[in-house]
Amino acid sequence: MTSMTAGVTRAGEGIEGIRWSILGQTYVPKQHCEASLSWHATLPPGTFVPPHIHPTQDEFIYMLQGRLSLELNGEASIAEPGDTIRLPRGIPHGLFNRGDAEVKCLFWVAPARRLYDLFWALHNLGPNADPADLVAISAKHEVDFLPPPDAE
């Protein structure tokens, strides 16, 4: 892994022109080094990130646009523009756009660990991807998805 490079990542652009399509959401990486990874995310209405845990990373989200419903360690919450969401490692969390407008936000994790590689592995899998495959791929990259509530 390389150290962070100095420079500017322009609005609407990702590092090295990267733009990931992950389960209906668009992630545009803004910075990547061993210490951290950041990306701009666009979550269309009705999309979500199921409850999961990062056992080796702290995660943060800065809300730019829209309203994001959250499940944080079993508690419901809402985040709106200007809010910062703090997700310490080991704490279960899920993110849901239950509104009728796009959510735009800036995510970052520290340290980067294997998340950059996970996004490449999930990129363009499409809406018909087998959930069991998604869970297995994610687990290999240090993200542990939780079973649905009715599966427990």
N, C-alpha and C. Protein backbone atom coordinates (compact mmCIF):
# COMPACT_ATOMS: atom_id res chain seq x y z
N MET A 1 0.86 -1.18 0.00
CA MET A 1 0.00 0.00 0.00
C MET A 1 0.89 1.23 0.00
N THR A 2 0.48 2.22 -0.72
CA THR A 2 1.26 3.45 -0.79
C THR A 2 0.77 4.47 0.22
N SER A 3 1.60 5.47 0.42
CA SER A 3 1.22 6.60 1.27
C SER A 3 0.28 7.50 0.49
N MET A 4 -0.41 8.37 1.20
CA MET A 4 -1.31 9.32 0.55
C MET A 4 -0.49 10.29 -0.28
N THR A 5 -1.01 10.62 -1.47
CA THR A 5 -0.36 11.59 -2.33
C THR A 5 -1.05 12.94 -2.18
N ALA A 6 -0.28 13.99 -2.34
CA ALA A 6 -0.84 15.34 -2.29
C ALA A 6 -1.55 15.63 -3.59
N GLY A 7 -2.57 16.47 -3.53
CA GLY A 7 -3.26 16.85 -4.75
C GLY A 7 -4.73 17.15 -4.51
N VAL A 8 -5.45 17.35 -5.59
CA VAL A 8 -6.87 17.68 -5.55
C VAL A 8 -7.62 16.63 -6.36
N THR A 9 -8.64 16.05 -5.77
CA THR A 9 -9.55 15.19 -6.51
C THR A 9 -10.77 16.06 -6.83
N ARG A 10 -10.99 16.33 -8.09
CA ARG A 10 -12.03 17.28 -8.52
C ARG A 10 -13.43 16.77 -8.22
N ALA A 11 -14.35 17.74 -8.05
CA ALA A 11 -15.76 17.43 -7.84
C ALA A 11 -16.25 16.55 -8.99
N GLY A 12 -16.99 15.53 -8.67
CA GLY A 12 -17.55 14.64 -9.68
C GLY A 12 -16.58 13.61 -10.22
N GLU A 13 -15.32 13.67 -9.79
CA GLU A 13 -14.32 12.72 -10.27
C GLU A 13 -13.81 11.86 -9.12
N GLY A 14 -13.37 10.66 -9.46
CA GLY A 14 -12.74 9.78 -8.50
C GLY A 14 -11.26 9.69 -8.77
N ILE A 15 -10.51 9.21 -7.81
CA ILE A 15 -9.09 9.00 -8.03
C ILE A 15 -8.94 8.04 -9.22
N GLU A 16 -8.00 8.33 -10.10
CA GLU A 16 -7.72 7.51 -11.28
C GLU A 16 -8.97 7.28 -12.14
N GLY A 17 -9.97 8.19 -12.05
CA GLY A 17 -11.19 8.06 -12.85
C GLY A 17 -12.13 6.96 -12.41
N ILE A 18 -11.93 6.43 -11.21
CA ILE A 18 -12.73 5.30 -10.73
C ILE A 18 -14.13 5.75 -10.32
N ARG A 19 -15.11 4.93 -10.68
CA ARG A 19 -16.51 5.14 -10.30
C ARG A 19 -17.11 3.74 -10.17
N TRP A 20 -17.45 3.34 -8.92
CA TRP A 20 -17.99 2.01 -8.69
C TRP A 20 -19.52 2.04 -8.69
N SER A 21 -20.13 1.01 -9.27
CA SER A 21 -21.57 0.79 -9.18
C SER A 21 -21.76 -0.41 -8.26
N ILE A 22 -22.31 -0.14 -7.07
CA ILE A 22 -22.43 -1.20 -6.07
C ILE A 22 -23.88 -1.30 -5.63
N LEU A 23 -24.55 -2.33 -6.13
CA LEU A 23 -25.94 -2.64 -5.76
C LEU A 23 -26.86 -1.43 -5.90
N GLY A 24 -26.75 -0.74 -7.03
CA GLY A 24 -27.62 0.40 -7.31
C GLY A 24 -27.13 1.73 -6.78
N GLN A 25 -26.03 1.73 -6.07
CA GLN A 25 -25.46 2.96 -5.53
C GLN A 25 -24.18 3.29 -6.30
N THR A 26 -23.80 4.56 -6.30
CA THR A 26 -22.57 4.98 -6.96
C THR A 26 -21.58 5.46 -5.91
N TYR A 27 -20.39 4.87 -5.93
CA TYR A 27 -19.31 5.25 -5.02
C TYR A 27 -18.16 5.78 -5.87
N VAL A 28 -17.67 6.98 -5.52
CA VAL A 28 -16.57 7.61 -6.24
C VAL A 28 -15.44 7.84 -5.24
N PRO A 29 -14.35 7.04 -5.33
CA PRO A 29 -13.28 7.19 -4.36
C PRO A 29 -12.57 8.53 -4.50
N LYS A 30 -12.33 9.18 -3.38
CA LYS A 30 -11.69 10.50 -3.36
C LYS A 30 -10.25 10.44 -2.87
N GLN A 31 -9.93 9.44 -2.05
CA GLN A 31 -8.59 9.32 -1.46
C GLN A 31 -8.41 7.90 -0.97
N HIS A 32 -7.20 7.35 -1.16
CA HIS A 32 -6.93 5.99 -0.70
C HIS A 32 -5.46 5.86 -0.33
N CYS A 33 -5.23 5.44 0.88
CA CYS A 33 -3.89 5.09 1.34
C CYS A 33 -4.07 4.09 2.47
N GLU A 34 -2.98 3.63 3.03
CA GLU A 34 -3.06 2.63 4.10
C GLU A 34 -3.86 3.13 5.30
N ALA A 35 -3.71 4.40 5.62
CA ALA A 35 -4.34 4.96 6.83
C ALA A 35 -5.84 5.19 6.68
N SER A 36 -6.33 5.43 5.43
CA SER A 36 -7.75 5.75 5.27
C SER A 36 -8.20 5.61 3.82
N LEU A 37 -9.51 5.56 3.66
CA LEU A 37 -10.16 5.54 2.36
C LEU A 37 -11.37 6.45 2.47
N SER A 38 -11.57 7.32 1.47
CA SER A 38 -12.78 8.16 1.45
C SER A 38 -13.44 8.04 0.09
N TRP A 39 -14.77 8.18 0.08
CA TRP A 39 -15.52 8.12 -1.18
C TRP A 39 -16.81 8.91 -1.05
N HIS A 40 -17.21 9.48 -2.19
CA HIS A 40 -18.50 10.16 -2.30
C HIS A 40 -19.51 9.09 -2.69
N ALA A 41 -20.66 9.08 -2.04
CA ALA A 41 -21.68 8.07 -2.34
C ALA A 41 -22.98 8.75 -2.72
N THR A 42 -23.64 8.16 -3.73
CA THR A 42 -24.98 8.56 -4.11
C THR A 42 -25.87 7.35 -3.92
N LEU A 43 -26.87 7.48 -3.04
CA LEU A 43 -27.80 6.40 -2.76
C LEU A 43 -29.18 6.80 -3.30
N PRO A 44 -29.63 6.21 -4.41
CA PRO A 44 -30.95 6.52 -4.94
C PRO A 44 -32.05 6.09 -3.96
N PRO A 45 -33.25 6.65 -4.11
CA PRO A 45 -34.36 6.23 -3.25
C PRO A 45 -34.53 4.71 -3.28
N GLY A 46 -34.80 4.16 -2.11
CA GLY A 46 -35.05 2.73 -1.99
C GLY A 46 -33.82 1.86 -1.86
N THR A 47 -32.62 2.45 -1.96
CA THR A 47 -31.41 1.64 -1.82
C THR A 47 -30.94 1.65 -0.36
N PHE A 48 -30.10 0.69 -0.04
CA PHE A 48 -29.65 0.56 1.35
C PHE A 48 -28.36 -0.25 1.42
N VAL A 49 -27.71 -0.16 2.58
CA VAL A 49 -26.58 -1.01 2.92
C VAL A 49 -27.06 -1.81 4.14
N PRO A 50 -27.22 -3.12 4.00
CA PRO A 50 -27.76 -3.93 5.10
C PRO A 50 -26.89 -3.84 6.36
N PRO A 51 -27.47 -4.12 7.51
CA PRO A 51 -26.70 -4.10 8.75
C PRO A 51 -25.44 -4.97 8.66
N HIS A 52 -24.34 -4.38 9.11
CA HIS A 52 -23.05 -5.05 9.04
C HIS A 52 -22.12 -4.47 10.09
N ILE A 53 -20.95 -5.09 10.20
CA ILE A 53 -19.94 -4.67 11.17
C ILE A 53 -18.59 -4.58 10.45
N HIS A 54 -17.83 -3.54 10.78
CA HIS A 54 -16.43 -3.44 10.36
C HIS A 54 -15.59 -3.77 11.61
N PRO A 55 -15.06 -4.98 11.72
CA PRO A 55 -14.31 -5.33 12.92
C PRO A 55 -12.95 -4.65 13.03
N THR A 56 -12.45 -4.10 11.91
CA THR A 56 -11.09 -3.55 11.91
C THR A 56 -11.02 -2.08 11.51
N GLN A 57 -12.16 -1.41 11.38
CA GLN A 57 -12.17 -0.03 10.90
C GLN A 57 -13.20 0.81 11.64
N ASP A 58 -12.88 2.09 11.81
CA ASP A 58 -13.86 3.09 12.20
C ASP A 58 -14.38 3.70 10.90
N GLU A 59 -15.69 3.99 10.86
CA GLU A 59 -16.30 4.56 9.66
C GLU A 59 -17.01 5.85 10.02
N PHE A 60 -17.01 6.78 9.08
CA PHE A 60 -17.65 8.09 9.27
C PHE A 60 -18.42 8.44 8.00
N ILE A 61 -19.50 9.18 8.17
CA ILE A 61 -20.28 9.66 7.02
C ILE A 61 -20.64 11.11 7.28
N TYR A 62 -20.36 11.98 6.32
CA TYR A 62 -20.77 13.37 6.39
C TYR A 62 -21.89 13.56 5.37
N MET A 63 -23.06 13.96 5.85
CA MET A 63 -24.24 14.10 5.00
C MET A 63 -24.19 15.39 4.20
N LEU A 64 -24.38 15.27 2.88
CA LEU A 64 -24.40 16.42 1.99
C LEU A 64 -25.81 16.76 1.51
N GLN A 65 -26.60 15.73 1.23
CA GLN A 65 -27.93 15.94 0.64
C GLN A 65 -28.83 14.77 1.02
N GLY A 66 -30.10 15.06 1.27
CA GLY A 66 -31.08 14.01 1.53
C GLY A 66 -31.18 13.64 3.00
N ARG A 67 -31.88 12.56 3.23
CA ARG A 67 -32.17 12.09 4.60
C ARG A 67 -31.87 10.60 4.63
N LEU A 68 -31.01 10.19 5.53
CA LEU A 68 -30.58 8.81 5.65
C LEU A 68 -31.12 8.22 6.95
N SER A 69 -31.82 7.10 6.83
CA SER A 69 -32.28 6.36 8.01
C SER A 69 -31.18 5.39 8.40
N LEU A 70 -30.92 5.28 9.69
CA LEU A 70 -29.83 4.45 10.19
C LEU A 70 -30.32 3.47 11.24
N GLU A 71 -29.65 2.36 11.30
CA GLU A 71 -29.75 1.46 12.44
C GLU A 71 -28.35 1.40 13.03
N LEU A 72 -28.20 1.92 14.23
CA LEU A 72 -26.90 1.99 14.89
C LEU A 72 -26.95 1.19 16.18
N ASN A 73 -26.32 0.03 16.16
CA ASN A 73 -26.28 -0.82 17.34
C ASN A 73 -27.69 -1.12 17.85
N GLY A 74 -28.62 -1.37 16.91
CA GLY A 74 -29.99 -1.72 17.25
C GLY A 74 -30.93 -0.55 17.46
N GLU A 75 -30.43 0.68 17.38
CA GLU A 75 -31.25 1.87 17.58
C GLU A 75 -31.49 2.59 16.25
N ALA A 76 -32.72 3.06 16.03
CA ALA A 76 -33.03 3.82 14.82
C ALA A 76 -32.61 5.27 14.99
N SER A 77 -32.15 5.87 13.88
CA SER A 77 -31.73 7.26 13.89
C SER A 77 -31.90 7.82 12.48
N ILE A 78 -31.83 9.13 12.38
CA ILE A 78 -31.93 9.83 11.10
C ILE A 78 -30.75 10.79 11.00
N ALA A 79 -30.18 10.92 9.78
CA ALA A 79 -29.13 11.91 9.53
C ALA A 79 -29.53 12.75 8.33
N GLU A 80 -29.23 14.05 8.43
CA GLU A 80 -29.59 15.01 7.38
C GLU A 80 -28.36 15.85 7.02
N PRO A 81 -28.47 16.69 5.97
CA PRO A 81 -27.31 17.47 5.54
C PRO A 81 -26.64 18.23 6.69
N GLY A 82 -25.31 18.14 6.71
CA GLY A 82 -24.51 18.78 7.75
C GLY A 82 -24.21 17.86 8.92
N ASP A 83 -24.93 16.75 9.04
CA ASP A 83 -24.69 15.81 10.14
C ASP A 83 -23.49 14.92 9.83
N THR A 84 -22.76 14.53 10.88
CA THR A 84 -21.69 13.55 10.78
C THR A 84 -22.10 12.32 11.55
N ILE A 85 -22.00 11.17 10.91
CA ILE A 85 -22.34 9.89 11.53
C ILE A 85 -21.02 9.21 11.91
N ARG A 86 -20.92 8.78 13.15
CA ARG A 86 -19.72 8.10 13.64
C ARG A 86 -20.07 6.63 13.90
N LEU A 87 -19.30 5.73 13.28
CA LEU A 87 -19.56 4.30 13.36
C LEU A 87 -18.30 3.58 13.82
N PRO A 88 -18.10 3.46 15.12
CA PRO A 88 -16.89 2.81 15.62
C PRO A 88 -16.81 1.34 15.19
N ARG A 89 -15.58 0.87 15.03
CA ARG A 89 -15.39 -0.55 14.66
C ARG A 89 -16.13 -1.45 15.65
N GLY A 90 -16.68 -2.52 15.11
CA GLY A 90 -17.37 -3.50 15.94
C GLY A 90 -18.82 -3.17 16.25
N ILE A 91 -19.31 -1.99 15.86
CA ILE A 91 -20.70 -1.59 16.14
C ILE A 91 -21.57 -1.89 14.91
N PRO A 92 -22.62 -2.69 15.06
CA PRO A 92 -23.49 -2.99 13.92
C PRO A 92 -24.20 -1.73 13.42
N HIS A 93 -24.28 -1.60 12.09
CA HIS A 93 -24.97 -0.45 11.51
C HIS A 93 -25.50 -0.79 10.12
N GLY A 94 -26.62 -0.19 9.77
CA GLY A 94 -27.23 -0.31 8.45
C GLY A 94 -27.68 1.07 8.01
N LEU A 95 -27.70 1.29 6.70
CA LEU A 95 -28.03 2.61 6.13
C LEU A 95 -29.12 2.43 5.09
N PHE A 96 -30.15 3.30 5.14
CA PHE A 96 -31.32 3.13 4.28
C PHE A 96 -31.79 4.47 3.75
N ASN A 97 -31.97 4.56 2.42
CA ASN A 97 -32.61 5.73 1.85
C ASN A 97 -34.09 5.38 1.67
N ARG A 98 -34.89 5.76 2.62
CA ARG A 98 -36.33 5.46 2.60
C ARG A 98 -37.15 6.61 2.03
N GLY A 99 -36.47 7.67 1.59
CA GLY A 99 -37.15 8.84 1.05
C GLY A 99 -37.36 8.74 -0.45
N ASP A 100 -37.79 9.85 -1.04
CA ASP A 100 -38.03 9.88 -2.48
C ASP A 100 -37.00 10.72 -3.23
N ALA A 101 -35.89 11.06 -2.56
CA ALA A 101 -34.81 11.84 -3.18
C ALA A 101 -33.48 11.14 -2.93
N GLU A 102 -32.50 11.43 -3.79
CA GLU A 102 -31.17 10.87 -3.61
C GLU A 102 -30.54 11.34 -2.31
N VAL A 103 -29.73 10.47 -1.73
CA VAL A 103 -28.87 10.84 -0.61
C VAL A 103 -27.46 10.94 -1.17
N LYS A 104 -26.77 12.03 -0.84
CA LYS A 104 -25.37 12.19 -1.21
C LYS A 104 -24.58 12.45 0.06
N CYS A 105 -23.47 11.74 0.18
CA CYS A 105 -22.67 11.88 1.40
C CYS A 105 -21.22 11.50 1.12
N LEU A 106 -20.36 11.89 2.04
CA LEU A 106 -18.95 11.55 1.98
C LEU A 106 -18.67 10.54 3.09
N PHE A 107 -18.19 9.37 2.70
CA PHE A 107 -17.79 8.32 3.64
C PHE A 107 -16.28 8.34 3.78
N TRP A 108 -15.80 7.91 4.94
CA TRP A 108 -14.39 7.58 5.08
C TRP A 108 -14.22 6.56 6.18
N VAL A 109 -13.20 5.73 6.01
CA VAL A 109 -12.85 4.71 7.00
C VAL A 109 -11.38 4.85 7.35
N ALA A 110 -11.07 4.44 8.57
CA ALA A 110 -9.68 4.44 9.02
C ALA A 110 -9.47 3.21 9.91
N PRO A 111 -8.44 2.42 9.61
CA PRO A 111 -7.60 2.44 8.43
C PRO A 111 -8.35 1.89 7.21
N ALA A 112 -7.73 1.94 6.05
CA ALA A 112 -8.39 1.50 4.82
C ALA A 112 -8.63 -0.02 4.82
N ARG A 113 -7.68 -0.76 5.34
CA ARG A 113 -7.73 -2.23 5.36
C ARG A 113 -8.08 -2.77 3.97
N ARG A 114 -9.14 -3.59 3.84
CA ARG A 114 -9.44 -4.26 2.56
C ARG A 114 -10.68 -3.70 1.86
N LEU A 115 -11.18 -2.54 2.33
CA LEU A 115 -12.43 -2.01 1.79
C LEU A 115 -12.31 -1.61 0.32
N TYR A 116 -11.20 -1.02 -0.07
CA TYR A 116 -10.98 -0.65 -1.48
C TYR A 116 -11.11 -1.88 -2.37
N ASP A 117 -10.49 -2.98 -1.97
CA ASP A 117 -10.57 -4.23 -2.73
C ASP A 117 -11.99 -4.80 -2.72
N LEU A 118 -12.71 -4.64 -1.62
CA LEU A 118 -14.10 -5.10 -1.57
C LEU A 118 -14.95 -4.35 -2.59
N PHE A 119 -14.77 -3.04 -2.69
CA PHE A 119 -15.56 -2.28 -3.65
C PHE A 119 -15.29 -2.75 -5.08
N TRP A 120 -14.06 -3.08 -5.41
CA TRP A 120 -13.77 -3.64 -6.73
C TRP A 120 -14.46 -4.98 -6.90
N ALA A 121 -14.48 -5.80 -5.85
CA ALA A 121 -15.10 -7.13 -5.94
C ALA A 121 -16.62 -7.03 -6.12
N LEU A 122 -17.24 -6.01 -5.55
CA LEU A 122 -18.70 -5.85 -5.63
C LEU A 122 -19.14 -5.03 -6.85
N HIS A 123 -18.22 -4.29 -7.44
CA HIS A 123 -18.52 -3.40 -8.57
C HIS A 123 -19.19 -4.18 -9.71
N ASN A 124 -20.33 -3.66 -10.15
CA ASN A 124 -21.08 -4.20 -11.29
C ASN A 124 -21.62 -5.61 -11.11
N LEU A 125 -21.80 -6.09 -9.88
CA LEU A 125 -22.41 -7.41 -9.70
C LEU A 125 -23.88 -7.42 -10.13
N GLY A 126 -24.53 -6.28 -10.02
CA GLY A 126 -25.90 -6.17 -10.49
C GLY A 126 -26.95 -6.55 -9.46
N PRO A 127 -28.21 -6.23 -9.77
CA PRO A 127 -29.31 -6.43 -8.81
C PRO A 127 -29.66 -7.89 -8.57
N ASN A 128 -29.22 -8.80 -9.45
CA ASN A 128 -29.56 -10.21 -9.29
C ASN A 128 -28.45 -11.01 -8.62
N ALA A 129 -27.50 -10.31 -8.02
CA ALA A 129 -26.40 -11.00 -7.34
C ALA A 129 -26.96 -11.83 -6.18
N ASP A 130 -26.38 -12.99 -5.99
CA ASP A 130 -26.80 -13.88 -4.91
C ASP A 130 -26.36 -13.29 -3.57
N PRO A 131 -27.32 -13.02 -2.66
CA PRO A 131 -26.95 -12.43 -1.36
C PRO A 131 -25.90 -13.25 -0.61
N ALA A 132 -25.94 -14.57 -0.72
CA ALA A 132 -24.95 -15.40 -0.04
C ALA A 132 -23.55 -15.13 -0.59
N ASP A 133 -23.45 -14.89 -1.90
CA ASP A 133 -22.16 -14.56 -2.50
C ASP A 133 -21.67 -13.20 -1.99
N LEU A 134 -22.58 -12.23 -1.90
CA LEU A 134 -22.21 -10.90 -1.40
C LEU A 134 -21.68 -10.98 0.03
N VAL A 135 -22.34 -11.77 0.85
CA VAL A 135 -21.92 -11.92 2.25
C VAL A 135 -20.55 -12.58 2.31
N ALA A 136 -20.34 -13.62 1.50
CA ALA A 136 -19.05 -14.32 1.51
C ALA A 136 -17.92 -13.43 1.01
N ILE A 137 -18.16 -12.70 -0.07
CA ILE A 137 -17.15 -11.78 -0.61
C ILE A 137 -16.80 -10.72 0.44
N SER A 138 -17.82 -10.16 1.08
CA SER A 138 -17.61 -9.12 2.07
C SER A 138 -16.81 -9.65 3.27
N ALA A 139 -17.14 -10.84 3.73
CA ALA A 139 -16.42 -11.42 4.87
C ALA A 139 -14.94 -11.59 4.57
N LYS A 140 -14.60 -11.92 3.32
CA LYS A 140 -13.20 -12.07 2.93
C LYS A 140 -12.47 -10.73 2.95
N HIS A 141 -13.24 -9.64 2.98
CA HIS A 141 -12.66 -8.29 2.97
C HIS A 141 -12.93 -7.54 4.27
N GLU A 142 -13.18 -8.28 5.35
CA GLU A 142 -13.32 -7.72 6.70
C GLU A 142 -14.57 -6.87 6.91
N VAL A 143 -15.66 -7.23 6.24
CA VAL A 143 -16.97 -6.63 6.50
C VAL A 143 -17.92 -7.79 6.73
N ASP A 144 -18.52 -7.82 7.92
CA ASP A 144 -19.39 -8.93 8.31
C ASP A 144 -20.85 -8.50 8.31
N PHE A 145 -21.63 -9.01 7.33
CA PHE A 145 -23.05 -8.70 7.28
C PHE A 145 -23.79 -9.54 8.30
N LEU A 146 -24.81 -8.95 8.89
CA LEU A 146 -25.61 -9.61 9.92
C LEU A 146 -26.79 -10.30 9.27
N PRO A 147 -27.27 -11.40 9.86
CA PRO A 147 -28.44 -12.07 9.29
C PRO A 147 -29.68 -11.18 9.44
N PRO A 148 -30.66 -11.33 8.53
CA PRO A 148 -31.91 -10.57 8.69
C PRO A 148 -32.54 -10.90 10.03
N PRO A 149 -33.31 -9.95 10.60
CA PRO A 149 -33.91 -10.19 11.92
C PRO A 149 -34.73 -11.47 12.01
N ASP A 150 -35.44 -11.83 10.93
CA ASP A 150 -36.27 -13.03 10.97
C ASP A 150 -35.48 -14.31 10.84
N ALA A 151 -34.16 -14.22 10.53
CA ALA A 151 -33.31 -15.39 10.38
C ALA A 151 -32.65 -15.80 11.70
N GLU A 152 -32.80 -14.97 12.71
CA GLU A 152 -32.12 -15.26 13.99
C GLU A 152 -32.92 -16.22 14.84
